[in-house]
Amino acid sequence: MKKFNIDQVEDTNITLDTVKGLAQTINDLLEDNVSLFTEYPSTNKSAKWQADNLVTKLLALAKATITATANAQNQIENVTEDFYKGGNK
């Protein structure tokens, strides 16, 4: 078994912070510009439905990424706390 390395945990957490930030940016851009999708400049109802469906899926994906990243960060934090509580400093 590999020796626990706190630097690896911290590097992973930094990566997760980056992913979370990117997902939050996507989420914010979509929410701020949702009218570009829902008010699609077309009289074609199918095209409007597709644009609305796309924004709904992209928002769901961004929010799911944010949630999953936050959960992973919590797990890393718990593992780190448990490691230090065990006297492995």
C-alpha atoms as a PDB file:
ATOM      1  CA  MET A   1       0.000   0.000   0.000  1.00  0.00           C
ATOM      2  CA  LYS A   2       1.331   3.456  -0.889  1.00  0.00           C
ATOM      3  CA  LYS A   3       2.146   5.829   1.897  1.00  0.00           C
ATOM      4  CA  PHE A   4      -0.459   8.533   2.437  1.00  0.00           C
ATOM      5  CA  ASN A   5       0.737  11.828   1.021  1.00  0.00           C
ATOM      6  CA  ILE A   6      -1.059  14.982   2.176  1.00  0.00           C
ATOM      7  CA  ASP A   7       0.372  16.885  -0.808  1.00  0.00           C
ATOM      8  CA  GLN A   8      -1.472  14.512  -3.153  1.00  0.00           C
ATOM      9  CA  VAL A   9      -4.708  15.143  -1.271  1.00  0.00           C
ATOM     10  CA  GLU A  10      -4.188  18.902  -1.452  1.00  0.00           C
ATOM     11  CA  ASP A  11      -3.375  18.710  -5.179  1.00  0.00           C
ATOM     12  CA  THR A  12      -6.551  16.723  -5.749  1.00  0.00           C
ATOM     13  CA  ASN A  13      -8.561  19.268  -3.817  1.00  0.00           C
ATOM     14  CA  ILE A  14      -7.091  22.088  -5.921  1.00  0.00           C
ATOM     15  CA  THR A  15      -8.098  20.213  -9.075  1.00  0.00           C
ATOM     16  CA  LEU A  16     -11.601  19.732  -7.714  1.00  0.00           C
ATOM     17  CA  ASP A  17     -11.784  23.448  -6.886  1.00  0.00           C
ATOM     18  CA  THR A  18     -10.881  24.193 -10.492  1.00  0.00           C
ATOM     19  CA  VAL A  19     -13.515  21.806 -11.865  1.00  0.00           C
ATOM     20  CA  LYS A  20     -16.099  23.249  -9.502  1.00  0.00           C
ATOM     21  CA  GLY A  21     -15.203  26.792 -10.573  1.00  0.00           C
ATOM     22  CA  LEU A  22     -15.502  25.898 -14.239  1.00  0.00           C
ATOM     23  CA  ALA A  23     -18.875  24.235 -13.680  1.00  0.00           C
ATOM     24  CA  GLN A  24     -20.074  27.248 -11.680  1.00  0.00           C
ATOM     25  CA  THR A  25     -18.985  29.549 -14.509  1.00  0.00           C
ATOM     26  CA  ILE A  26     -20.882  27.442 -17.045  1.00  0.00           C
ATOM     27  CA  ASN A  27     -23.906  27.443 -14.771  1.00  0.00           C
ATOM     28  CA  ASP A  28     -23.762  31.225 -14.313  1.00  0.00           C
ATOM     29  CA  LEU A  29     -23.323  31.884 -18.035  1.00  0.00           C
ATOM     30  CA  LEU A  30     -26.281  29.676 -18.867  1.00  0.00           C
ATOM     31  CA  GLU A  31     -28.518  31.185 -16.208  1.00  0.00           C
ATOM     32  CA  ASP A  32     -27.552  34.734 -17.210  1.00  0.00           C
ATOM     33  CA  ASN A  33     -28.130  34.042 -20.908  1.00  0.00           C
ATOM     34  CA  VAL A  34     -30.993  31.568 -20.799  1.00  0.00           C
ATOM     35  CA  SER A  35     -33.083  33.925 -22.931  1.00  0.00           C
ATOM     36  CA  LEU A  36     -30.721  33.273 -25.851  1.00  0.00           C
ATOM     37  CA  PHE A  37     -31.913  29.685 -25.743  1.00  0.00           C
ATOM     38  CA  THR A  38     -35.541  30.113 -24.771  1.00  0.00           C
ATOM     39  CA  GLU A  39     -36.150  33.013 -27.122  1.00  0.00           C
ATOM     40  CA  TYR A  40     -34.447  31.270 -29.991  1.00  0.00           C
ATOM     41  CA  PRO A  41     -34.786  33.527 -33.072  1.00  0.00           C
ATOM     42  CA  SER A  42     -36.849  31.113 -35.058  1.00  0.00           C
ATOM     43  CA  THR A  43     -40.480  30.509 -35.773  1.00  0.00           C
ATOM     44  CA  ASN A  44     -39.761  26.809 -35.922  1.00  0.00           C
ATOM     45  CA  LYS A  45     -41.296  25.316 -32.774  1.00  0.00           C
ATOM     46  CA  SER A  46     -39.065  22.259 -33.035  1.00  0.00           C
ATOM     47  CA  ALA A  47     -35.916  24.420 -33.065  1.00  0.00           C
ATOM     48  CA  LYS A  48     -37.183  26.410 -30.063  1.00  0.00           C
ATOM     49  CA  TRP A  49     -37.936  23.197 -28.189  1.00  0.00           C
ATOM     50  CA  GLN A  50     -34.463  21.858 -28.979  1.00  0.00           C
ATOM     51  CA  ALA A  51     -32.819  25.077 -27.745  1.00  0.00           C
ATOM     52  CA  ASP A  52     -34.872  25.026 -24.537  1.00  0.00           C
ATOM     53  CA  ASN A  53     -34.116  21.335 -24.038  1.00  0.00           C
ATOM     54  CA  LEU A  54     -30.396  21.983 -24.531  1.00  0.00           C
ATOM     55  CA  VAL A  55     -30.236  24.738 -21.916  1.00  0.00           C
ATOM     56  CA  THR A  56     -32.154  22.569 -19.450  1.00  0.00           C
ATOM     57  CA  LYS A  57     -29.717  19.693 -19.930  1.00  0.00           C
ATOM     58  CA  LEU A  58     -26.649  21.960 -19.738  1.00  0.00           C
ATOM     59  CA  LEU A  59     -27.886  23.565 -16.512  1.00  0.00           C
ATOM     60  CA  ALA A  60     -28.575  20.143 -15.012  1.00  0.00           C
ATOM     61  CA  LEU A  61     -25.105  18.957 -16.041  1.00  0.00           C
ATOM     62  CA  ALA A  62     -23.395  22.021 -14.564  1.00  0.00           C
ATOM     63  CA  LYS A  63     -25.325  21.713 -11.303  1.00  0.00           C
ATOM     64  CA  ALA A  64     -24.592  17.976 -11.072  1.00  0.00           C
ATOM     65  CA  THR A  65     -20.879  18.668 -11.619  1.00  0.00           C
ATOM     66  CA  ILE A  66     -20.891  21.286  -8.879  1.00  0.00           C
ATOM     67  CA  THR A  67     -22.641  18.911  -6.474  1.00  0.00           C
ATOM     68  CA  ALA A  68     -20.372  15.960  -7.285  1.00  0.00           C
ATOM     69  CA  THR A  69     -17.266  18.102  -6.864  1.00  0.00           C
ATOM     70  CA  ALA A  70     -18.471  19.456  -3.525  1.00  0.00           C
ATOM     71  CA  ASN A  71     -19.179  15.911  -2.353  1.00  0.00           C
ATOM     72  CA  ALA A  72     -15.691  14.773  -3.401  1.00  0.00           C
ATOM     73  CA  GLN A  73     -14.146  17.714  -1.566  1.00  0.00           C
ATOM     74  CA  ASN A  74     -16.091  16.797   1.572  1.00  0.00           C
ATOM     75  CA  GLN A  75     -14.868  13.221   1.299  1.00  0.00           C
ATOM     76  CA  ILE A  76     -11.259  14.390   0.954  1.00  0.00           C
ATOM     77  CA  GLU A  77     -11.693  16.655   3.960  1.00  0.00           C
ATOM     78  CA  ASN A  78     -13.118  13.772   6.025  1.00  0.00           C
ATOM     79  CA  VAL A  79     -10.276  11.441   5.041  1.00  0.00           C
ATOM     80  CA  THR A  80      -7.708  14.088   5.903  1.00  0.00           C
ATOM     81  CA  GLU A  81      -9.323  14.792   9.278  1.00  0.00           C
ATOM     82  CA  ASP A  82      -9.496  11.068  10.064  1.00  0.00           C
ATOM     83  CA  PHE A  83      -5.854  10.667   9.048  1.00  0.00           C
ATOM     84  CA  TYR A  84      -4.718  13.411  11.389  1.00  0.00           C
ATOM     85  CA  LYS A  85      -6.958  12.232  14.234  1.00  0.00           C
ATOM     86  CA  GLY A  86      -5.235   8.867  13.970  1.00  0.00           C
ATOM     87  CA  GLY A  87      -1.930  10.500  14.865  1.00  0.00           C
ATOM     88  CA  ASN A  88      -0.387  10.165  11.402  1.00  0.00           C
ATOM     89  CA  LYS A  89       1.099  13.635  11.268  1.00  0.00           C
END
